[in-house]
Amino acid sequence: VTYVLQIAPDRTLYDARVRDNVADAHWASHITLGADLDGTLNDPRDEDEEWLIESALPLASLEAKPGDTLLMSIERCDTPKDGVHSCGAWGRDGNGAPVGIVVLPTR
């Protein structure tokens, strides 16, 4: 099972659970989101300094249990005024597969 969460600075969310390359249309992450934006998003008349997303993901939505080990990766992408799209990532191998390890506490 693979879970995909894509979150935009305006808190637009795409979430999916994928099994055998098929997305489950009935699944929802139930994630809660907060955003801190400096400037106005995608307005070429000004400079946006930064944006930050805070999230809380209920582990029950991932069918995770205390003591489970999860593989995960996180990526953040941006296209500034110069038009060069760039991304930074954590927890990925050279092929893009998640290798970041999260061990859920037993209590």
C-alpha atoms as a PDB file:
ATOM      1  CA  VAL A   1       0.000   0.000   0.000  1.00  0.00           C
ATOM      2  CA  THR A   2       1.257   3.478  -0.896  1.00  0.00           C
ATOM      3  CA  TYR A   3      -0.226   6.682   0.488  1.00  0.00           C
ATOM      4  CA  VAL A   4       0.193   9.910  -1.466  1.00  0.00           C
ATOM      5  CA  LEU A   5      -0.388  13.343   0.063  1.00  0.00           C
ATOM      6  CA  GLN A   6       0.160  16.457  -2.042  1.00  0.00           C
ATOM      7  CA  ILE A   7      -0.343  19.749  -0.229  1.00  0.00           C
ATOM      8  CA  ALA A   8      -0.167  23.181  -1.848  1.00  0.00           C
ATOM      9  CA  PRO A   9       0.622  26.394   0.079  1.00  0.00           C
ATOM     10  CA  ASP A  10      -3.062  27.396  -0.196  1.00  0.00           C
ATOM     11  CA  ARG A  11      -3.907  24.109   1.625  1.00  0.00           C
ATOM     12  CA  THR A  12      -5.272  22.446  -1.503  1.00  0.00           C
ATOM     13  CA  LEU A  13      -4.969  18.723  -0.807  1.00  0.00           C
ATOM     14  CA  TYR A  14      -4.738  15.633  -2.963  1.00  0.00           C
ATOM     15  CA  ASP A  15      -4.665  12.398  -0.985  1.00  0.00           C
ATOM     16  CA  ALA A  16      -4.792   8.837  -2.237  1.00  0.00           C
ATOM     17  CA  ARG A  17      -4.255   5.284  -1.067  1.00  0.00           C
ATOM     18  CA  VAL A  18      -2.908   3.102  -3.865  1.00  0.00           C
ATOM     19  CA  ARG A  19      -2.955  -0.704  -3.943  1.00  0.00           C
ATOM     20  CA  ASP A  20      -1.739  -2.674  -6.945  1.00  0.00           C
ATOM     21  CA  ASN A  21      -1.450   0.604  -8.929  1.00  0.00           C
ATOM     22  CA  VAL A  22      -5.144   1.415  -8.339  1.00  0.00           C
ATOM     23  CA  ALA A  23      -6.202   4.459  -6.283  1.00  0.00           C
ATOM     24  CA  ASP A  24      -8.942   3.892  -3.718  1.00  0.00           C
ATOM     25  CA  ALA A  25     -11.500   6.647  -4.390  1.00  0.00           C
ATOM     26  CA  HIS A  26     -13.169   6.123  -1.005  1.00  0.00           C
ATOM     27  CA  TRP A  27     -10.104   6.605   1.183  1.00  0.00           C
ATOM     28  CA  ALA A  28      -9.420   9.936   2.908  1.00  0.00           C
ATOM     29  CA  SER A  29      -6.404  10.877   5.002  1.00  0.00           C
ATOM     30  CA  HIS A  30      -8.341  13.113   7.449  1.00  0.00           C
ATOM     31  CA  ILE A  31      -5.224  15.285   7.645  1.00  0.00           C
ATOM     32  CA  THR A  32      -5.569  18.712   9.239  1.00  0.00           C
ATOM     33  CA  LEU A  33      -3.574  21.568   7.770  1.00  0.00           C
ATOM     34  CA  GLY A  34      -2.330  24.977   8.755  1.00  0.00           C
ATOM     35  CA  ALA A  35      -0.446  27.416   6.546  1.00  0.00           C
ATOM     36  CA  ASP A  36       1.719  30.466   7.137  1.00  0.00           C
ATOM     37  CA  LEU A  37       2.204  32.589   4.028  1.00  0.00           C
ATOM     38  CA  ASP A  38       4.374  35.683   3.662  1.00  0.00           C
ATOM     39  CA  GLY A  39       3.192  37.609   0.606  1.00  0.00           C
ATOM     40  CA  THR A  40       0.620  36.586  -1.976  1.00  0.00           C
ATOM     41  CA  LEU A  41       0.838  33.269  -3.766  1.00  0.00           C
ATOM     42  CA  ASN A  42       1.642  33.326  -7.468  1.00  0.00           C
ATOM     43  CA  ASP A  43       1.300  37.081  -7.852  1.00  0.00           C
ATOM     44  CA  PRO A  44       4.110  38.269 -10.157  1.00  0.00           C
ATOM     45  CA  ARG A  45       3.724  41.869  -8.890  1.00  0.00           C
ATOM     46  CA  ASP A  46       5.334  41.116  -5.528  1.00  0.00           C
ATOM     47  CA  GLU A  47       7.951  38.955  -3.841  1.00  0.00           C
ATOM     48  CA  ASP A  48       6.730  36.058  -1.726  1.00  0.00           C
ATOM     49  CA  GLU A  49       9.229  35.466   1.041  1.00  0.00           C
ATOM     50  CA  GLU A  50       8.197  32.015   2.203  1.00  0.00           C
ATOM     51  CA  TRP A  51       5.427  29.616   2.984  1.00  0.00           C
ATOM     52  CA  LEU A  52       5.133  26.921   5.608  1.00  0.00           C
ATOM     53  CA  ILE A  53       2.681  24.049   5.961  1.00  0.00           C
ATOM     54  CA  GLU A  54       1.894  22.393   9.285  1.00  0.00           C
ATOM     55  CA  SER A  55       0.018  19.114   9.213  1.00  0.00           C
ATOM     56  CA  ALA A  56      -1.371  16.478  11.527  1.00  0.00           C
ATOM     57  CA  LEU A  57      -2.008  13.087   9.980  1.00  0.00           C
ATOM     58  CA  PRO A  58      -4.033  10.573  12.002  1.00  0.00           C
ATOM     59  CA  LEU A  59      -2.031   7.355  11.946  1.00  0.00           C
ATOM     60  CA  ALA A  60      -5.303   5.406  12.023  1.00  0.00           C
ATOM     61  CA  SER A  61      -5.980   6.625   8.476  1.00  0.00           C
ATOM     62  CA  LEU A  62      -2.794   4.790   7.439  1.00  0.00           C
ATOM     63  CA  GLU A  63      -3.981   1.635   9.192  1.00  0.00           C
ATOM     64  CA  ALA A  64      -0.829   1.930  11.310  1.00  0.00           C
ATOM     65  CA  LYS A  65      -0.503   0.451  14.769  1.00  0.00           C
ATOM     66  CA  PRO A  66       1.866   1.220  17.652  1.00  0.00           C
ATOM     67  CA  GLY A  67       5.236  -0.393  16.955  1.00  0.00           C
ATOM     68  CA  ASP A  68       4.775  -0.408  13.151  1.00  0.00           C
ATOM     69  CA  THR A  69       7.615   0.745  10.931  1.00  0.00           C
ATOM     70  CA  LEU A  70       6.694   3.041   8.031  1.00  0.00           C
ATOM     71  CA  LEU A  71       8.769   4.028   5.018  1.00  0.00           C
ATOM     72  CA  MET A  72       8.235   7.607   3.951  1.00  0.00           C
ATOM     73  CA  SER A  73       9.632  10.423   1.902  1.00  0.00           C
ATOM     74  CA  ILE A  74       8.931  14.137   1.805  1.00  0.00           C
ATOM     75  CA  GLU A  75       9.451  16.476  -1.127  1.00  0.00           C
ATOM     76  CA  ARG A  76       8.992  20.224  -1.427  1.00  0.00           C
ATOM     77  CA  CYS A  77       8.952  21.924  -4.806  1.00  0.00           C
ATOM     78  CA  ASP A  78       8.767  25.556  -5.857  1.00  0.00           C
ATOM     79  CA  THR A  79       8.954  27.613  -9.031  1.00  0.00           C
ATOM     80  CA  PRO A  80      10.196  31.112  -8.170  1.00  0.00           C
ATOM     81  CA  LYS A  81      10.065  34.153 -10.435  1.00  0.00           C
ATOM     82  CA  ASP A  82      13.067  32.970 -12.442  1.00  0.00           C
ATOM     83  CA  GLY A  83      10.861  30.097 -13.673  1.00  0.00           C
ATOM     84  CA  VAL A  84      13.283  27.363 -12.603  1.00  0.00           C
ATOM     85  CA  HIS A  85      11.331  24.552 -10.937  1.00  0.00           C
ATOM     86  CA  SER A  86      13.338  23.020  -8.096  1.00  0.00           C
ATOM     87  CA  CYS A  87      12.658  20.410  -5.443  1.00  0.00           C
ATOM     88  CA  GLY A  88      14.287  19.229  -2.262  1.00  0.00           C
ATOM     89  CA  ALA A  89      13.583  15.818  -0.761  1.00  0.00           C
ATOM     90  CA  TRP A  90      14.168  13.733   2.336  1.00  0.00           C
ATOM     91  CA  GLY A  91      13.978   9.972   2.587  1.00  0.00           C
ATOM     92  CA  ARG A  92      14.352   8.899  -1.054  1.00  0.00           C
ATOM     93  CA  ASP A  93      16.838   6.605  -2.710  1.00  0.00           C
ATOM     94  CA  GLY A  94      18.383   7.250  -6.131  1.00  0.00           C
ATOM     95  CA  ASN A  95      15.310   5.783  -7.854  1.00  0.00           C
ATOM     96  CA  GLY A  96      12.812   7.889  -5.896  1.00  0.00           C
ATOM     97  CA  ALA A  97      11.639   5.074  -3.619  1.00  0.00           C
ATOM     98  CA  PRO A  98      10.939   6.013   0.018  1.00  0.00           C
ATOM     99  CA  VAL A  99      13.659   4.944   2.428  1.00  0.00           C
ATOM    100  CA  GLY A 100      13.011   7.280   5.374  1.00  0.00           C
ATOM    101  CA  ILE A 101      12.128   5.126   8.372  1.00  0.00           C
ATOM    102  CA  VAL A 102       9.551   6.119  10.955  1.00  0.00           C
ATOM    103  CA  VAL A 103       9.006   3.736  13.867  1.00  0.00           C
ATOM    104  CA  LEU A 104       5.773   4.363  15.701  1.00  0.00           C
ATOM    105  CA  PRO A 105       6.117   4.311  19.483  1.00  0.00           C
ATOM    106  CA  THR A 106       4.478   1.414  21.278  1.00  0.00           C
ATOM    107  CA  ARG A 107       2.905   3.765  23.774  1.00  0.00           C
END
